[in-house]
Amino acid sequence: MKIFQWGFFIIGLFAYAGVIAWTGISSLGSWNLPPVPSEWSQFIVIVGTILSTNLGAVAGISQFNPDNKDVSKRDQIKKLAKTLSRPGTEAQPKPKGSSPAQIFAAGIYALCLVAAAVLWVAAYFKNGNSSSTDPLIRETAVSLVGVVFGVLTTFMTPQKT
């Protein structure tokens, strides 16, 4: 079963990167590539959302800090965890750190965002305007700004000593 999961994981990541590259290169007009079908654009949005969530987890962005002294929030989380866990078992503890697959996926996603930004700028300088660039590349490149600010918030959050 693990091989099957890894296969989908690798195919999905490289399909994501491939469509970003295809869209960017076709926007440059260097090669005679047809435009990306709309189904692939939807695929990029869906997979990009999953990968951005994964990147946030790897970077340490979270909505709840378990070391927080806010008892009411902690009690709410514990109650929810017990409700969602299987009957007769306690809630499982949150695993520490990120798996190699999560780190790999976050790296590929970050590289795709940078590649989209580079392709967007290259198309702008080649064609003289950014309107000739596929909207998928523009939107993916702009999401890089959100990712950068999201990661910066983890560094700007006061750390408990």
Foldseek 3Di string as FASTA:
>chain_A
DVVVVVVCLVVLLVLLLVLLVLQLVVLLVPDPHDHDDVVSLVSNVVVLVVLLVLLCVQLPNDDDDCVDPPVVVNVVVLVVQQVPDDPPDHRDDDDPHDDPSSVVSNVSLLVSLVVLLVSQVSSCVSVVHSPSRDVSSVVSNVVNVVSVVSSVVVVVPDDDD
